[in-house]
N, C-alpha and C. Protein backbone atom coordinates (compact mmCIF):
# COMPACT_ATOMS: atom_id res chain seq x y z
N MET A 1 102.42 133.38 133.63
CA MET A 1 103.43 133.60 134.66
C MET A 1 103.16 134.92 135.35
N SER A 2 103.42 134.97 136.62
CA SER A 2 103.17 136.16 137.39
C SER A 2 104.23 137.21 137.09
N SER A 3 103.92 138.45 137.39
CA SER A 3 104.86 139.53 137.18
C SER A 3 105.94 139.49 138.22
N PRO A 4 107.12 140.12 137.95
CA PRO A 4 108.21 140.08 138.92
C PRO A 4 107.86 140.74 140.24
N SER A 5 106.94 141.71 140.23
CA SER A 5 106.59 142.39 141.47
C SER A 5 105.53 141.68 142.28
N SER A 6 104.99 140.56 141.74
CA SER A 6 103.96 139.84 142.47
C SER A 6 104.55 139.19 143.72
N ARG A 7 103.82 139.30 144.83
CA ARG A 7 104.33 138.80 146.10
C ARG A 7 103.50 137.64 146.64
N HIS A 8 102.60 137.08 145.83
CA HIS A 8 101.78 136.00 146.36
C HIS A 8 102.64 134.75 146.53
N ARG A 9 102.27 133.95 147.51
CA ARG A 9 103.02 132.73 147.79
C ARG A 9 102.66 131.67 146.75
N THR A 10 103.67 130.93 146.35
CA THR A 10 103.47 129.90 145.34
C THR A 10 104.52 128.83 145.53
N ASN A 11 104.26 127.68 144.95
CA ASN A 11 105.22 126.58 144.98
C ASN A 11 105.90 126.39 143.64
N THR A 12 105.64 127.29 142.67
CA THR A 12 106.17 127.17 141.32
C THR A 12 107.06 128.37 141.00
N LEU A 13 108.26 128.10 140.51
CA LEU A 13 109.20 129.14 140.12
C LEU A 13 109.63 128.93 138.68
N VAL A 14 110.05 130.02 138.05
CA VAL A 14 110.50 129.98 136.66
C VAL A 14 111.83 130.71 136.56
N ILE A 15 112.84 130.03 136.02
CA ILE A 15 114.13 130.65 135.72
C ILE A 15 114.12 131.02 134.25
N THR A 16 114.31 132.29 133.94
CA THR A 16 114.19 132.77 132.57
C THR A 16 115.54 133.21 132.01
N ARG A 17 115.55 133.41 130.70
CA ARG A 17 116.69 133.94 129.96
C ARG A 17 117.97 133.15 130.23
N LEU A 18 117.85 131.84 130.14
CA LEU A 18 119.03 130.99 130.32
C LEU A 18 119.76 130.82 129.00
N PRO A 19 121.08 130.87 129.00
CA PRO A 19 121.83 130.63 127.76
C PRO A 19 121.64 129.20 127.28
N VAL A 20 122.01 128.99 126.03
CA VAL A 20 121.80 127.68 125.42
C VAL A 20 122.65 126.62 126.11
N HIS A 21 123.89 126.96 126.47
CA HIS A 21 124.75 125.94 127.07
C HIS A 21 124.27 125.53 128.46
N PHE A 22 123.33 126.24 129.07
CA PHE A 22 122.78 125.84 130.36
C PHE A 22 121.86 124.63 130.24
N PHE A 23 121.50 124.24 129.03
CA PHE A 23 120.61 123.10 128.85
C PHE A 23 121.38 121.82 128.53
N GLU A 24 122.68 121.86 128.66
CA GLU A 24 123.46 120.63 128.56
C GLU A 24 123.18 119.76 129.78
N PRO A 25 123.21 118.43 129.62
CA PRO A 25 122.82 117.53 130.73
C PRO A 25 123.61 117.78 132.02
N LEU A 26 124.92 117.99 131.94
CA LEU A 26 125.71 118.17 133.16
C LEU A 26 125.34 119.47 133.89
N ILE A 27 125.15 120.53 133.14
CA ILE A 27 124.79 121.80 133.77
C ILE A 27 123.37 121.73 134.32
N GLN A 28 122.46 121.07 133.62
CA GLN A 28 121.11 120.92 134.13
C GLN A 28 121.09 120.13 135.43
N GLN A 29 121.90 119.08 135.50
CA GLN A 29 121.95 118.28 136.72
C GLN A 29 122.52 119.11 137.88
N ALA A 30 123.56 119.90 137.60
CA ALA A 30 124.13 120.73 138.66
C ALA A 30 123.16 121.81 139.11
N LEU A 31 122.43 122.39 138.17
CA LEU A 31 121.45 123.44 138.51
C LEU A 31 120.30 122.86 139.32
N ARG A 32 119.85 121.69 138.94
CA ARG A 32 118.76 121.06 139.70
C ARG A 32 119.22 120.68 141.10
N SER A 33 120.42 120.14 141.21
CA SER A 33 120.94 119.78 142.54
C SER A 33 121.06 121.01 143.44
N HIS A 34 121.41 122.15 142.84
CA HIS A 34 121.52 123.38 143.63
C HIS A 34 120.16 123.79 144.19
N PHE A 35 119.12 123.75 143.37
CA PHE A 35 117.79 124.16 143.84
C PHE A 35 117.15 123.11 144.74
N GLU A 36 117.61 121.87 144.66
CA GLU A 36 117.08 120.85 145.58
C GLU A 36 117.63 121.01 146.99
N THR A 37 118.65 121.84 147.17
CA THR A 37 119.15 122.10 148.52
C THR A 37 118.16 122.91 149.35
N TYR A 38 117.21 123.58 148.70
CA TYR A 38 116.20 124.36 149.42
C TYR A 38 114.97 123.53 149.78
N GLY A 39 114.85 122.36 149.22
CA GLY A 39 113.72 121.50 149.51
C GLY A 39 113.49 120.53 148.37
N PRO A 40 112.73 119.46 148.60
CA PRO A 40 112.47 118.47 147.54
C PRO A 40 111.63 119.07 146.42
N LEU A 41 111.99 118.73 145.21
CA LEU A 41 111.29 119.20 144.02
C LEU A 41 110.27 118.17 143.56
N HIS A 42 109.11 118.65 143.19
CA HIS A 42 108.10 117.77 142.60
C HIS A 42 108.31 117.63 141.09
N THR A 43 108.66 118.75 140.44
CA THR A 43 108.83 118.76 138.99
C THR A 43 109.98 119.68 138.61
N TRP A 44 110.78 119.21 137.67
CA TRP A 44 111.84 120.02 137.08
C TRP A 44 111.69 119.91 135.57
N ALA A 45 111.29 121.00 134.92
CA ALA A 45 110.95 120.97 133.50
C ALA A 45 111.76 122.00 132.73
N PRO A 46 112.90 121.62 132.15
CA PRO A 46 113.64 122.55 131.30
C PRO A 46 112.97 122.69 129.93
N ILE A 47 112.82 123.93 129.46
CA ILE A 47 112.22 124.22 128.14
C ILE A 47 113.25 125.00 127.36
N LYS A 48 114.02 124.30 126.55
CA LYS A 48 115.12 124.93 125.81
C LYS A 48 114.61 125.94 124.80
N GLY A 49 113.48 125.64 124.15
CA GLY A 49 112.96 126.54 123.14
C GLY A 49 112.58 127.91 123.70
N LEU A 50 112.21 127.97 124.97
CA LEU A 50 111.83 129.23 125.61
C LEU A 50 112.92 129.75 126.54
N ALA A 51 114.04 129.05 126.58
CA ALA A 51 115.19 129.48 127.39
C ALA A 51 114.81 129.65 128.85
N ARG A 52 114.07 128.67 129.38
CA ARG A 52 113.66 128.76 130.77
C ARG A 52 113.50 127.37 131.38
N VAL A 53 113.42 127.37 132.70
CA VAL A 53 113.19 126.14 133.46
C VAL A 53 112.05 126.39 134.43
N ILE A 54 111.09 125.49 134.45
CA ILE A 54 109.97 125.56 135.39
C ILE A 54 110.18 124.49 136.44
N MET A 55 110.11 124.90 137.72
CA MET A 55 110.28 123.94 138.82
C MET A 55 109.15 124.12 139.82
N VAL A 56 108.73 122.98 140.35
CA VAL A 56 107.62 122.96 141.30
C VAL A 56 108.11 122.30 142.58
N TYR A 57 107.98 123.02 143.69
CA TYR A 57 108.33 122.48 145.01
C TYR A 57 107.09 121.89 145.67
N TYR A 58 107.34 120.98 146.58
CA TYR A 58 106.24 120.45 147.39
C TYR A 58 105.76 121.50 148.40
N SER A 59 106.67 122.33 148.85
CA SER A 59 106.35 123.31 149.89
C SER A 59 106.50 124.72 149.35
N GLU A 60 105.56 125.59 149.71
CA GLU A 60 105.66 126.99 149.31
C GLU A 60 106.81 127.68 150.03
N ASP A 61 107.11 127.27 151.26
CA ASP A 61 108.23 127.88 152.00
C ASP A 61 109.55 127.60 151.30
N ASP A 62 109.73 126.39 150.79
CA ASP A 62 110.96 126.07 150.07
C ASP A 62 111.07 126.89 148.79
N ALA A 63 109.94 127.08 148.10
CA ALA A 63 109.97 127.88 146.88
C ALA A 63 110.30 129.34 147.18
N GLU A 64 109.75 129.88 148.27
CA GLU A 64 110.05 131.26 148.63
C GLU A 64 111.52 131.43 148.98
N MET A 65 112.08 130.49 149.69
CA MET A 65 113.49 130.57 150.05
C MET A 65 114.37 130.49 148.80
N ALA A 66 114.03 129.61 147.85
CA ALA A 66 114.80 129.50 146.63
C ALA A 66 114.69 130.76 145.79
N LYS A 67 113.51 131.37 145.79
CA LYS A 67 113.31 132.59 145.03
C LYS A 67 114.14 133.74 145.61
N GLU A 68 114.09 133.93 146.90
CA GLU A 68 114.80 135.04 147.53
C GLU A 68 116.31 134.85 147.47
N SER A 69 116.77 133.60 147.48
CA SER A 69 118.21 133.36 147.52
C SER A 69 118.86 133.38 146.15
N ASN A 70 118.10 133.13 145.08
CA ASN A 70 118.72 132.95 143.76
C ASN A 70 118.32 134.00 142.74
N ASP A 71 117.31 134.80 143.00
CA ASP A 71 116.95 135.83 142.04
C ASP A 71 118.03 136.91 142.03
N GLY A 72 118.66 137.10 140.89
CA GLY A 72 119.75 138.05 140.75
C GLY A 72 121.12 137.47 141.07
N LEU A 73 121.20 136.15 141.26
CA LEU A 73 122.48 135.51 141.55
C LEU A 73 123.37 135.57 140.31
N VAL A 74 124.61 135.99 140.50
CA VAL A 74 125.55 136.12 139.39
C VAL A 74 126.43 134.88 139.34
N LEU A 75 126.42 134.21 138.21
CA LEU A 75 127.28 133.05 137.99
C LEU A 75 128.47 133.50 137.16
N GLY A 76 129.67 133.18 137.62
CA GLY A 76 130.89 133.63 136.97
C GLY A 76 131.07 133.04 135.60
N GLU A 77 132.12 133.50 134.95
CA GLU A 77 132.42 133.03 133.61
C GLU A 77 132.79 131.55 133.63
N MET A 78 132.35 130.84 132.58
CA MET A 78 132.66 129.42 132.42
C MET A 78 133.28 129.22 131.06
N GLY A 79 134.61 129.16 131.03
CA GLY A 79 135.31 128.99 129.76
C GLY A 79 135.14 130.20 128.88
N ASP A 80 134.60 129.97 127.69
CA ASP A 80 134.37 131.05 126.73
C ASP A 80 133.04 131.75 126.94
N HIS A 81 132.24 131.31 127.91
CA HIS A 81 130.92 131.88 128.12
C HIS A 81 130.99 132.98 129.18
N PRO A 82 130.31 134.08 128.94
CA PRO A 82 130.34 135.17 129.92
C PRO A 82 129.51 134.84 131.15
N GLU A 83 129.60 135.71 132.16
CA GLU A 83 128.84 135.49 133.38
C GLU A 83 127.34 135.62 133.10
N VAL A 84 126.56 134.94 133.95
CA VAL A 84 125.11 134.87 133.76
C VAL A 84 124.45 135.31 135.05
N VAL A 85 123.42 136.14 134.93
CA VAL A 85 122.62 136.58 136.07
C VAL A 85 121.32 135.80 136.07
N LEU A 86 121.08 134.98 137.10
CA LEU A 86 119.85 134.20 137.18
C LEU A 86 118.69 135.12 137.54
N ARG A 87 117.59 134.95 136.80
CA ARG A 87 116.35 135.65 137.12
C ARG A 87 115.31 134.60 137.44
N VAL A 88 114.84 134.61 138.68
CA VAL A 88 113.87 133.64 139.18
C VAL A 88 112.58 134.37 139.50
N TYR A 89 111.48 133.93 138.89
CA TYR A 89 110.19 134.58 139.08
C TYR A 89 109.20 133.58 139.67
N ARG A 90 108.21 134.15 140.34
CA ARG A 90 107.11 133.33 140.85
C ARG A 90 106.11 133.09 139.71
N ALA A 91 105.57 131.89 139.69
CA ALA A 91 104.54 131.52 138.73
C ALA A 91 103.27 131.14 139.48
N ASP A 92 102.22 130.90 138.73
CA ASP A 92 100.96 130.49 139.37
C ASP A 92 101.16 129.18 140.12
N PRO A 93 100.51 129.04 141.27
CA PRO A 93 100.69 127.81 142.05
C PRO A 93 100.26 126.57 141.26
N THR A 94 100.98 125.51 141.49
CA THR A 94 100.68 124.23 140.85
C THR A 94 100.10 123.28 141.90
N PRO A 95 98.83 122.89 141.76
CA PRO A 95 98.26 121.96 142.75
C PRO A 95 98.92 120.59 142.64
N ILE A 96 99.27 120.04 143.76
CA ILE A 96 99.89 118.71 143.82
C ILE A 96 98.90 117.77 144.47
N GLU A 97 98.51 116.74 143.75
CA GLU A 97 97.51 115.81 144.26
C GLU A 97 98.20 114.72 145.07
N THR A 98 97.78 114.59 146.28
CA THR A 98 98.29 113.55 147.18
C THR A 98 97.19 112.55 147.48
N SER A 99 97.51 111.56 148.29
CA SER A 99 96.50 110.56 148.66
C SER A 99 95.37 111.18 149.45
N GLU A 100 95.67 112.21 150.26
CA GLU A 100 94.62 112.87 151.04
C GLU A 100 93.70 113.69 150.14
N THR A 101 94.28 114.41 149.17
CA THR A 101 93.44 115.20 148.28
C THR A 101 92.63 114.32 147.33
N GLN A 102 93.14 113.14 147.00
CA GLN A 102 92.38 112.24 146.14
C GLN A 102 91.12 111.76 146.81
N GLU A 103 91.16 111.56 148.13
CA GLU A 103 89.98 111.09 148.84
C GLU A 103 88.88 112.15 148.86
N HIS A 104 89.27 113.42 148.90
CA HIS A 104 88.30 114.51 148.97
C HIS A 104 88.05 115.15 147.62
N ASN A 105 88.56 114.54 146.56
CA ASN A 105 88.36 115.10 145.22
C ASN A 105 87.01 114.62 144.69
N HIS A 106 86.08 115.57 144.47
CA HIS A 106 84.74 115.23 144.00
C HIS A 106 84.56 115.53 142.51
N TYR A 107 85.66 115.84 141.82
CA TYR A 107 85.56 116.11 140.39
C TYR A 107 85.38 114.82 139.62
N LEU A 108 84.87 114.95 138.41
CA LEU A 108 84.67 113.78 137.56
C LEU A 108 86.01 113.20 137.16
N ARG A 109 86.20 111.92 137.42
CA ARG A 109 87.46 111.27 137.12
C ARG A 109 87.43 110.69 135.70
N PRO A 110 88.57 110.66 135.04
CA PRO A 110 88.62 110.04 133.70
C PRO A 110 88.43 108.54 133.81
N PRO A 111 88.01 107.90 132.72
CA PRO A 111 87.84 106.44 132.75
C PRO A 111 89.17 105.75 132.93
N ALA A 112 89.08 104.49 133.27
CA ALA A 112 90.30 103.70 133.45
C ALA A 112 91.06 103.63 132.14
N ASN A 113 92.39 103.55 132.25
CA ASN A 113 93.24 103.55 131.06
C ASN A 113 93.23 102.17 130.43
N GLU A 114 92.16 101.88 129.74
CA GLU A 114 92.04 100.62 129.02
C GLU A 114 91.24 100.88 127.74
N LYS A 115 91.39 99.99 126.79
CA LYS A 115 90.72 100.16 125.51
C LYS A 115 89.33 99.56 125.61
N ASN A 116 88.32 100.38 125.31
CA ASN A 116 86.95 99.91 125.37
C ASN A 116 86.49 99.44 124.00
N PHE A 117 86.01 98.21 123.94
CA PHE A 117 85.46 97.65 122.72
C PHE A 117 83.94 97.56 122.92
N LEU A 118 83.26 98.62 122.58
CA LEU A 118 81.83 98.71 122.84
C LEU A 118 81.05 98.58 121.54
N ILE A 119 79.96 97.85 121.58
CA ILE A 119 79.08 97.70 120.44
C ILE A 119 78.15 98.91 120.38
N SER A 120 78.03 99.50 119.21
CA SER A 120 77.15 100.66 119.07
C SER A 120 75.70 100.22 119.26
N PRO A 121 74.90 101.01 119.95
CA PRO A 121 73.50 100.62 120.16
C PRO A 121 72.73 100.67 118.86
N PRO A 122 71.70 99.87 118.71
CA PRO A 122 70.89 99.91 117.48
C PRO A 122 70.12 101.22 117.40
N GLY A 123 69.55 101.47 116.20
CA GLY A 123 68.79 102.70 116.01
C GLY A 123 67.61 102.79 116.95
N SER A 124 66.88 101.69 117.11
CA SER A 124 65.74 101.64 118.03
C SER A 124 65.96 100.47 118.96
N PRO A 125 66.64 100.69 120.09
CA PRO A 125 66.93 99.57 120.99
C PRO A 125 65.65 98.91 121.48
N PRO A 126 65.57 97.60 121.43
CA PRO A 126 64.37 96.93 121.95
C PRO A 126 64.32 97.04 123.47
N VAL A 127 63.19 96.69 123.98
CA VAL A 127 63.00 96.75 125.43
C VAL A 127 63.90 95.72 126.10
N GLY A 128 64.65 96.18 127.09
CA GLY A 128 65.55 95.29 127.80
C GLY A 128 66.92 95.16 127.19
N TRP A 129 67.20 95.93 126.11
CA TRP A 129 68.53 95.87 125.49
C TRP A 129 69.57 96.50 126.38
N GLU A 130 70.71 95.83 126.55
CA GLU A 130 71.80 96.33 127.36
C GLU A 130 73.08 96.27 126.54
N GLN A 131 73.88 97.29 126.71
CA GLN A 131 75.15 97.34 125.98
C GLN A 131 76.15 96.39 126.63
N ILE A 132 76.84 95.63 125.80
CA ILE A 132 77.81 94.66 126.28
C ILE A 132 79.19 95.05 125.76
N ARG A 133 80.20 94.45 126.34
CA ARG A 133 81.58 94.71 125.94
C ARG A 133 82.04 93.66 124.95
N GLU A 134 82.56 94.13 123.82
CA GLU A 134 83.06 93.21 122.82
C GLU A 134 84.38 92.59 123.26
N ASP A 135 84.68 91.46 122.66
CA ASP A 135 85.98 90.84 122.90
C ASP A 135 87.06 91.61 122.16
N PRO A 136 88.27 91.65 122.68
CA PRO A 136 89.36 92.35 121.97
C PRO A 136 89.73 91.61 120.69
N PRO A 137 90.47 92.23 119.80
CA PRO A 137 90.89 91.55 118.57
C PRO A 137 91.73 90.32 118.87
N ASN A 138 91.82 89.46 117.86
CA ASN A 138 92.57 88.23 118.03
C ASN A 138 94.03 88.54 118.32
N ALA A 139 94.54 87.99 119.41
CA ALA A 139 95.92 88.27 119.80
C ALA A 139 96.92 87.33 119.15
N THR A 140 96.44 86.22 118.57
CA THR A 140 97.35 85.27 117.93
C THR A 140 97.83 85.82 116.59
N PRO A 141 99.01 85.43 116.14
CA PRO A 141 99.52 85.96 114.86
C PRO A 141 98.59 85.66 113.69
N LEU A 142 98.07 84.44 113.60
CA LEU A 142 97.17 84.06 112.52
C LEU A 142 95.98 83.31 113.12
N ALA A 143 94.79 83.73 112.75
CA ALA A 143 93.60 83.06 113.24
C ALA A 143 93.48 81.68 112.60
N HIS A 144 92.71 80.81 113.26
CA HIS A 144 92.57 79.45 112.76
C HIS A 144 91.88 79.42 111.40
N ASP A 145 90.88 80.28 111.20
CA ASP A 145 90.20 80.27 109.90
C ASP A 145 91.14 80.74 108.80
N LEU A 146 92.04 81.69 109.10
CA LEU A 146 93.00 82.13 108.10
C LEU A 146 94.02 81.05 107.79
N ILE A 147 94.45 80.33 108.81
CA ILE A 147 95.40 79.22 108.59
C ILE A 147 94.77 78.14 107.71
N ASN A 148 93.51 77.80 107.98
CA ASN A 148 92.84 76.78 107.16
C ASN A 148 92.66 77.25 105.72
N ALA A 149 92.36 78.53 105.53
CA ALA A 149 92.22 79.04 104.16
C ALA A 149 93.54 78.99 103.42
N LEU A 150 94.65 79.31 104.11
CA LEU A 150 95.96 79.24 103.47
C LEU A 150 96.32 77.79 103.12
N ARG A 151 95.94 76.86 103.96
CA ARG A 151 96.22 75.46 103.66
C ARG A 151 95.44 75.00 102.45
N ARG A 152 94.17 75.43 102.35
CA ARG A 152 93.38 75.04 101.18
C ARG A 152 93.97 75.61 99.90
N LEU A 153 94.44 76.86 99.97
CA LEU A 153 95.08 77.45 98.80
C LEU A 153 96.34 76.69 98.42
N GLU A 154 97.10 76.26 99.41
CA GLU A 154 98.33 75.51 99.14
C GLU A 154 98.01 74.17 98.49
N ILE A 155 96.97 73.50 98.98
CA ILE A 155 96.58 72.21 98.40
C ILE A 155 96.07 72.40 96.98
N GLN A 156 95.27 73.48 96.78
CA GLN A 156 94.75 73.73 95.43
C GLN A 156 95.87 74.04 94.45
N ALA A 157 96.86 74.82 94.88
CA ALA A 157 97.98 75.13 94.00
C ALA A 157 98.78 73.88 93.68
N GLU A 158 98.92 72.98 94.64
CA GLU A 158 99.65 71.73 94.39
C GLU A 158 98.90 70.85 93.41
N GLN A 159 97.56 70.83 93.51
CA GLN A 159 96.78 70.02 92.58
C GLN A 159 96.87 70.56 91.16
N GLU A 160 96.83 71.90 91.03
CA GLU A 160 96.92 72.49 89.70
C GLU A 160 98.28 72.23 89.06
N SER A 161 99.35 72.28 89.87
CA SER A 161 100.67 72.01 89.31
C SER A 161 100.87 70.54 88.97
N ARG A 162 100.22 69.64 89.72
CA ARG A 162 100.37 68.21 89.47
C ARG A 162 99.51 67.75 88.32
N GLY A 163 98.34 68.39 88.15
CA GLY A 163 97.44 67.97 87.09
C GLY A 163 96.45 66.94 87.59
N PRO A 164 95.51 66.55 86.74
CA PRO A 164 94.51 65.57 87.16
C PRO A 164 95.13 64.19 87.35
N GLY A 165 94.41 63.38 88.12
CA GLY A 165 94.87 62.03 88.38
C GLY A 165 95.27 61.83 89.82
N PRO A 166 95.42 60.60 90.23
CA PRO A 166 95.78 60.33 91.63
C PRO A 166 97.22 60.72 91.94
N ALA A 167 97.43 61.04 93.20
CA ALA A 167 98.78 61.38 93.66
C ALA A 167 99.44 60.13 94.21
N VAL A 168 100.68 59.91 93.86
CA VAL A 168 101.43 58.74 94.29
C VAL A 168 102.15 59.09 95.59
N LEU A 169 101.75 58.41 96.67
CA LEU A 169 102.41 58.61 97.95
C LEU A 169 103.53 57.61 98.18
N LEU A 170 103.34 56.41 97.68
CA LEU A 170 104.35 55.36 97.89
C LEU A 170 104.39 54.49 96.65
N GLU A 171 105.56 54.34 96.08
CA GLU A 171 105.70 53.52 94.89
C GLU A 171 106.84 52.54 95.13
N PRO A 172 106.60 51.26 94.94
CA PRO A 172 107.64 50.26 95.23
C PRO A 172 108.76 50.32 94.20
N GLU A 173 109.90 49.86 94.61
CA GLU A 173 111.04 49.80 93.71
C GLU A 173 110.99 48.50 92.90
N ASP A 174 111.34 48.60 91.63
CA ASP A 174 111.38 47.46 90.71
C ASP A 174 110.03 46.80 90.57
N GLY A 175 108.95 47.53 90.90
CA GLY A 175 107.61 46.98 90.70
C GLY A 175 107.21 45.95 91.72
N VAL A 176 107.97 45.77 92.80
CA VAL A 176 107.66 44.77 93.82
C VAL A 176 107.39 45.50 95.11
N GLY A 177 106.21 45.26 95.70
CA GLY A 177 105.87 45.89 96.97
C GLY A 177 104.48 46.46 96.94
N ILE A 178 104.23 47.39 97.83
CA ILE A 178 102.90 47.99 97.98
C ILE A 178 102.94 49.41 97.45
N SER A 179 101.94 49.76 96.67
CA SER A 179 101.80 51.10 96.14
C SER A 179 100.63 51.80 96.84
N VAL A 180 100.80 53.09 97.10
CA VAL A 180 99.75 53.89 97.75
C VAL A 180 99.46 55.09 96.85
N TYR A 181 98.19 55.22 96.45
CA TYR A 181 97.73 56.33 95.62
C TYR A 181 96.58 57.03 96.34
N VAL A 182 96.56 58.32 96.22
CA VAL A 182 95.49 59.11 96.84
C VAL A 182 94.93 60.04 95.77
N GLU A 183 93.61 60.09 95.68
CA GLU A 183 92.94 60.97 94.75
C GLU A 183 91.91 61.80 95.50
N ASP A 184 91.98 63.10 95.32
CA ASP A 184 91.06 64.00 96.01
C ASP A 184 89.77 64.09 95.20
N CYS A 185 88.72 63.54 95.76
CA CYS A 185 87.44 63.55 95.06
C CYS A 185 86.76 64.91 95.11
N ASP A 186 87.16 65.75 96.08
CA ASP A 186 86.55 67.08 96.20
C ASP A 186 87.25 68.12 95.37
N ALA A 187 88.35 67.74 94.70
CA ALA A 187 89.10 68.72 93.93
C ALA A 187 88.29 69.17 92.73
N VAL A 188 88.40 70.44 92.44
CA VAL A 188 87.68 71.01 91.30
C VAL A 188 88.64 71.05 90.12
N GLY A 189 88.27 70.38 89.07
CA GLY A 189 89.12 70.34 87.90
C GLY A 189 89.20 71.68 87.20
N THR A 190 90.35 72.01 86.74
CA THR A 190 90.55 73.26 86.00
C THR A 190 90.99 72.92 84.60
N SER A 191 90.56 73.69 83.67
CA SER A 191 90.90 73.45 82.27
C SER A 191 91.25 74.78 81.63
N SER A 192 92.16 74.72 80.70
CA SER A 192 92.61 75.92 80.02
C SER A 192 91.71 76.20 78.84
N PRO A 193 91.74 77.41 78.31
CA PRO A 193 90.92 77.72 77.11
C PRO A 193 91.27 76.85 75.93
N GLU A 194 92.55 76.39 75.80
CA GLU A 194 92.92 75.54 74.67
C GLU A 194 92.22 74.21 74.75
N ASP A 195 92.07 73.65 75.99
CA ASP A 195 91.45 72.35 76.13
C ASP A 195 89.98 72.41 75.75
N ASN A 196 89.32 73.49 76.06
CA ASN A 196 87.90 73.60 75.80
C ASN A 196 87.59 74.21 74.45
N GLY A 197 88.63 74.55 73.69
CA GLY A 197 88.40 75.17 72.41
C GLY A 197 87.79 76.54 72.51
N GLU A 198 88.11 77.25 73.55
CA GLU A 198 87.50 78.55 73.79
C GLU A 198 88.37 79.69 73.28
N ASP A 199 89.45 79.36 72.57
CA ASP A 199 90.32 80.40 72.04
C ASP A 199 89.76 80.88 70.72
N TRP A 200 88.97 81.94 70.75
CA TRP A 200 88.32 82.44 69.56
C TRP A 200 88.36 83.95 69.54
N ALA A 201 88.28 84.50 68.35
CA ALA A 201 88.37 85.95 68.17
C ALA A 201 86.98 86.55 68.26
N TYR A 202 86.98 87.81 68.70
CA TYR A 202 85.70 88.50 68.83
C TYR A 202 85.07 88.70 67.45
N GLY A 203 83.78 88.43 67.32
CA GLY A 203 83.06 88.58 66.06
C GLY A 203 82.88 87.28 65.31
N GLU A 204 83.63 86.24 65.70
CA GLU A 204 83.50 84.94 65.06
C GLU A 204 82.63 84.03 65.91
N THR A 205 82.16 82.97 65.30
CA THR A 205 81.34 82.01 66.03
C THR A 205 82.20 81.21 66.99
N ALA A 206 81.76 81.12 68.21
CA ALA A 206 82.54 80.39 69.20
C ALA A 206 82.62 78.92 68.82
N PRO A 207 83.77 78.26 69.11
CA PRO A 207 83.89 76.83 68.75
C PRO A 207 82.85 75.98 69.42
N SER A 208 82.45 76.35 70.63
CA SER A 208 81.44 75.53 71.31
C SER A 208 80.10 75.62 70.61
N ARG A 209 79.83 76.73 69.90
CA ARG A 209 78.55 76.85 69.20
C ARG A 209 78.54 76.06 67.89
N VAL A 210 79.73 75.74 67.35
CA VAL A 210 79.78 74.98 66.09
C VAL A 210 79.28 73.57 66.31
N HIS A 211 79.66 72.97 67.45
CA HIS A 211 79.28 71.58 67.73
C HIS A 211 77.91 71.48 68.36
N TRP A 212 77.30 72.62 68.62
CA TRP A 212 75.99 72.55 69.29
C TRP A 212 74.87 72.38 68.29
N ARG A 213 73.97 71.48 68.55
CA ARG A 213 72.81 71.27 67.70
C ARG A 213 71.56 71.38 68.55
N PRO A 214 70.55 72.07 68.05
CA PRO A 214 69.32 72.19 68.84
C PRO A 214 68.60 70.85 68.90
N PRO A 215 67.93 70.56 69.99
CA PRO A 215 67.21 69.28 70.09
C PRO A 215 66.03 69.24 69.11
N PRO A 216 65.71 68.07 68.58
CA PRO A 216 64.60 67.97 67.61
C PRO A 216 63.26 68.23 68.28
N THR A 217 62.36 68.83 67.56
CA THR A 217 61.02 69.12 68.03
C THR A 217 60.00 68.63 67.00
N SER A 218 58.81 68.45 67.45
CA SER A 218 57.76 68.02 66.52
C SER A 218 57.34 69.16 65.61
N MET A 219 56.97 68.83 64.39
CA MET A 219 56.58 69.86 63.45
C MET A 219 55.19 70.39 63.83
N PRO A 220 55.06 71.68 63.79
CA PRO A 220 53.73 72.22 64.11
C PRO A 220 52.73 71.84 63.04
N PRO A 221 51.47 71.81 63.39
CA PRO A 221 50.42 71.44 62.38
C PRO A 221 50.36 72.46 61.25
N VAL A 222 50.16 71.94 60.03
CA VAL A 222 50.08 72.77 58.84
C VAL A 222 48.71 72.62 58.23
N SER A 223 48.09 73.75 58.02
CA SER A 223 46.76 73.70 57.41
C SER A 223 46.90 73.63 55.88
N VAL A 224 46.11 72.75 55.26
CA VAL A 224 46.17 72.56 53.81
C VAL A 224 44.93 73.22 53.21
N MET A 225 45.17 74.09 52.27
CA MET A 225 44.07 74.79 51.62
C MET A 225 43.65 73.97 50.39
N GLY A 226 42.38 73.56 50.35
CA GLY A 226 41.89 72.79 49.22
C GLY A 226 41.47 73.66 48.06
């Protein structure tokens, strides 16, 4: 911020040392309306933590008039609050970009406000390699492959709860009529350790090894010593 004795022309003013109650919405609106009588405002930025307000006019002449008319202005008592002396200082000019200045602006512009999904280039790009734009993430709540996987899990859980054997879709009453049975040939059978006799303690011979017998082999030749 410029010093109080600075006389350079600017479009930015700062009101300092404002009491806390000046940042209430009604008082802020009244204060802004008062300064808008000197000209249209581009920006009105109250900063309660620093007890000040920064305002930017479109015209430097309007800012100068507001500065000369309000610096040292005494505001009377308001209820239990004592009178307040407004201190308005000049600040560094704030450039305002218009359509005309945009046409003559030769500075580097930021990229468009969109999310770029770019594939990282390989370590040694081959000849003719060009970077392409990736597709955005799936916007649907659940992808088709995830839905199919959940359906398979549901079918598998239903088969395990039902047990082996065909599923009865239609069964006639009193044994008269047409019956419909469906059996999933692709289902993978599951068995518990009790069914396979695999419930054994560590250090003991497994039950499956008890019933196992090695296949017979021919006896190797034996030399007879005379």
